[in-house]
């Protein structure tokens, strides 16, 4: 990984539905980055309305049943 601009960093995170229960917009957050031994501070800017697979160009199509 290479960081070229540090004025505005964005982190995209995936959470389970049960973990979203108390998450709110503009809630303060702390993220620890092991690679650079640094704790970053920010806030929740948005919460997506669907999973990443729904926004994917080629979403998974899981086969079900036996036909």
N, C-alpha and C. Protein backbone atom coordinates (compact mmCIF):
# COMPACT_ATOMS: atom_id res chain seq x y z
N UNK A 1 0.85 -1.17 0.00
CA UNK A 1 0.00 0.00 0.00
C UNK A 1 0.89 1.23 0.00
N UNK A 2 0.47 2.24 -0.73
CA UNK A 2 1.20 3.51 -0.75
C UNK A 2 0.23 4.64 -0.45
N UNK A 3 0.61 5.51 0.46
CA UNK A 3 -0.20 6.68 0.77
C UNK A 3 0.45 7.88 0.12
N UNK A 4 -0.30 8.56 -0.74
CA UNK A 4 0.29 9.72 -1.41
C UNK A 4 -0.29 11.03 -0.89
N UNK A 5 -1.54 11.02 -0.49
CA UNK A 5 -2.16 12.22 0.07
C UNK A 5 -2.72 11.89 1.44
N UNK A 6 -2.40 12.68 2.41
CA UNK A 6 -2.92 12.40 3.76
C UNK A 6 -3.83 13.51 4.28
N UNK A 7 -4.19 14.45 3.41
CA UNK A 7 -5.09 15.52 3.84
C UNK A 7 -6.49 14.99 4.11
N UNK A 8 -6.93 14.03 3.32
CA UNK A 8 -8.26 13.47 3.54
C UNK A 8 -8.24 11.99 3.20
N UNK A 9 -8.28 11.16 4.24
CA UNK A 9 -8.28 9.72 4.07
C UNK A 9 -9.69 9.17 4.22
N UNK A 10 -10.00 8.12 3.46
CA UNK A 10 -11.30 7.47 3.52
C UNK A 10 -11.09 6.01 3.85
N UNK A 11 -11.92 5.47 4.71
CA UNK A 11 -11.87 4.05 5.03
C UNK A 11 -13.25 3.47 4.75
N UNK A 12 -13.27 2.43 3.96
CA UNK A 12 -14.52 1.71 3.70
C UNK A 12 -14.49 0.44 4.53
N UNK A 13 -15.49 0.25 5.37
CA UNK A 13 -15.51 -0.91 6.26
C UNK A 13 -16.79 -1.71 6.05
N UNK A 14 -16.69 -3.00 6.23
CA UNK A 14 -17.85 -3.89 6.14
C UNK A 14 -18.21 -4.39 7.53
N UNK A 15 -19.47 -4.22 7.89
CA UNK A 15 -19.95 -4.63 9.20
C UNK A 15 -21.12 -5.59 9.05
N UNK A 16 -21.34 -6.42 10.04
CA UNK A 16 -22.53 -7.27 10.07
C UNK A 16 -23.72 -6.40 10.48
N UNK A 17 -24.91 -6.86 10.13
CA UNK A 17 -26.12 -6.10 10.47
C UNK A 17 -26.23 -5.89 11.98
N UNK A 18 -25.83 -6.88 12.75
CA UNK A 18 -25.92 -6.76 14.22
C UNK A 18 -24.96 -5.71 14.76
N UNK A 19 -23.89 -5.40 14.01
CA UNK A 19 -22.94 -4.39 14.46
C UNK A 19 -23.40 -2.98 14.12
N UNK A 20 -24.38 -2.84 13.26
CA UNK A 20 -24.85 -1.52 12.84
C UNK A 20 -25.89 -0.93 13.78
N UNK A 21 -26.34 -1.70 14.73
CA UNK A 21 -27.45 -1.29 15.59
C UNK A 21 -27.23 0.06 16.26
N UNK A 22 -26.03 0.30 16.77
CA UNK A 22 -25.76 1.56 17.49
C UNK A 22 -24.94 2.55 16.69
N UNK A 23 -24.68 2.24 15.42
CA UNK A 23 -23.87 3.14 14.59
C UNK A 23 -24.74 4.28 14.06
N UNK A 24 -24.24 5.50 14.16
CA UNK A 24 -24.98 6.69 13.73
C UNK A 24 -24.10 7.59 12.88
N UNK A 25 -24.72 8.38 12.02
CA UNK A 25 -23.98 9.35 11.23
C UNK A 25 -23.29 10.35 12.15
N UNK A 26 -22.11 10.77 11.77
CA UNK A 26 -21.29 11.75 12.49
C UNK A 26 -20.78 11.23 13.84
N UNK A 27 -20.93 9.93 14.09
CA UNK A 27 -20.39 9.34 15.31
C UNK A 27 -18.87 9.31 15.22
N UNK A 28 -18.17 9.72 16.28
CA UNK A 28 -16.70 9.68 16.24
C UNK A 28 -16.20 8.24 16.20
N UNK A 29 -15.11 8.02 15.45
CA UNK A 29 -14.52 6.69 15.34
C UNK A 29 -13.01 6.76 15.50
N UNK A 30 -12.43 5.65 15.94
CA UNK A 30 -10.98 5.49 16.02
C UNK A 30 -10.63 4.22 15.26
N UNK A 31 -9.59 4.30 14.43
CA UNK A 31 -9.12 3.15 13.66
C UNK A 31 -7.62 3.03 13.89
N UNK A 32 -7.20 1.86 14.33
CA UNK A 32 -5.77 1.62 14.54
C UNK A 32 -5.21 0.90 13.31
N UNK A 33 -4.16 1.46 12.73
CA UNK A 33 -3.51 0.88 11.55
C UNK A 33 -2.21 0.23 12.00
N UNK A 34 -2.19 -1.10 12.00
CA UNK A 34 -1.01 -1.84 12.46
C UNK A 34 0.23 -1.52 11.64
N UNK A 35 0.06 -1.39 10.33
CA UNK A 35 1.21 -1.23 9.43
C UNK A 35 2.03 0.02 9.74
N UNK A 36 1.38 1.06 10.22
CA UNK A 36 2.10 2.30 10.52
C UNK A 36 2.04 2.66 12.01
N UNK A 37 1.51 1.72 12.81
CA UNK A 37 1.44 1.88 14.26
C UNK A 37 0.84 3.23 14.66
N UNK A 38 -0.32 3.54 14.05
CA UNK A 38 -0.95 4.84 14.26
C UNK A 38 -2.45 4.67 14.47
N UNK A 39 -3.00 5.49 15.33
CA UNK A 39 -4.44 5.52 15.53
C UNK A 39 -5.00 6.75 14.80
N UNK A 40 -5.96 6.51 13.92
CA UNK A 40 -6.60 7.60 13.16
C UNK A 40 -7.95 7.91 13.79
N UNK A 41 -8.33 9.17 13.74
CA UNK A 41 -9.62 9.61 14.30
C UNK A 41 -10.46 10.21 13.18
N UNK A 42 -11.74 9.95 13.22
CA UNK A 42 -12.63 10.49 12.21
C UNK A 42 -14.07 10.37 12.65
N UNK A 43 -14.98 10.30 11.68
CA UNK A 43 -16.40 10.16 11.99
C UNK A 43 -17.09 9.36 10.90
N UNK A 44 -18.23 8.79 11.25
CA UNK A 44 -19.04 8.04 10.29
C UNK A 44 -19.68 9.05 9.35
N UNK A 45 -19.37 8.95 8.07
CA UNK A 45 -19.94 9.89 7.11
C UNK A 45 -21.19 9.34 6.43
N UNK A 46 -21.22 8.04 6.18
CA UNK A 46 -22.40 7.47 5.55
C UNK A 46 -22.50 5.99 5.87
N UNK A 47 -23.70 5.48 5.77
CA UNK A 47 -23.97 4.05 5.96
C UNK A 47 -24.71 3.59 4.72
N UNK A 48 -24.11 2.67 3.99
CA UNK A 48 -24.68 2.20 2.73
C UNK A 48 -26.00 1.47 2.92
N UNK A 49 -26.82 1.50 1.89
CA UNK A 49 -28.13 0.87 1.95
C UNK A 49 -28.15 -0.56 1.47
N UNK A 50 -27.02 -1.07 0.98
CA UNK A 50 -26.95 -2.44 0.48
C UNK A 50 -25.54 -2.97 0.67
N UNK A 51 -25.37 -4.25 0.42
CA UNK A 51 -24.05 -4.85 0.56
C UNK A 51 -23.18 -4.56 -0.65
N UNK A 52 -21.90 -4.76 -0.50
CA UNK A 52 -20.97 -4.55 -1.60
C UNK A 52 -21.28 -5.41 -2.81
N UNK A 53 -21.78 -6.62 -2.58
CA UNK A 53 -22.09 -7.50 -3.71
C UNK A 53 -23.25 -6.95 -4.54
N UNK A 54 -24.14 -6.20 -3.95
CA UNK A 54 -25.26 -5.59 -4.69
C UNK A 54 -24.77 -4.49 -5.62
N UNK A 55 -23.69 -3.81 -5.23
CA UNK A 55 -23.14 -2.72 -6.04
C UNK A 55 -22.10 -3.21 -7.04
N UNK A 56 -21.78 -4.50 -6.97
CA UNK A 56 -20.75 -5.06 -7.83
C UNK A 56 -21.20 -5.10 -9.28
N UNK A 57 -20.24 -4.94 -10.21
CA UNK A 57 -20.56 -5.03 -11.63
C UNK A 57 -21.06 -6.43 -11.96
N UNK A 58 -20.44 -7.44 -11.37
CA UNK A 58 -20.85 -8.83 -11.56
C UNK A 58 -21.20 -9.45 -10.21
N UNK A 59 -22.46 -9.24 -9.75
CA UNK A 59 -22.83 -9.78 -8.44
C UNK A 59 -22.85 -11.31 -8.46
N UNK A 60 -22.59 -11.95 -7.32
CA UNK A 60 -22.62 -13.41 -7.31
C UNK A 60 -24.02 -13.95 -7.55
N UNK A 61 -24.08 -15.04 -8.28
CA UNK A 61 -25.37 -15.71 -8.50
C UNK A 61 -25.24 -17.11 -7.97
N UNK A 62 -25.61 -17.30 -6.73
CA UNK A 62 -25.48 -18.60 -6.08
C UNK A 62 -26.60 -19.52 -6.53
N UNK A 63 -26.24 -20.73 -6.93
CA UNK A 63 -27.24 -21.72 -7.34
C UNK A 63 -27.85 -22.37 -6.10
N UNK A 64 -29.16 -22.57 -6.13
CA UNK A 64 -29.84 -23.23 -5.01
C UNK A 64 -30.74 -24.31 -5.55
N UNK A 65 -30.95 -25.31 -4.76
CA UNK A 65 -31.85 -26.39 -5.15
C UNK A 65 -31.21 -27.36 -6.13
N UNK A 66 -31.95 -28.38 -6.48
CA UNK A 66 -31.48 -29.36 -7.44
C UNK A 66 -32.52 -29.47 -8.55
N UNK A 67 -32.22 -28.92 -9.68
CA UNK A 67 -33.16 -28.99 -10.81
C UNK A 67 -32.52 -29.59 -12.02
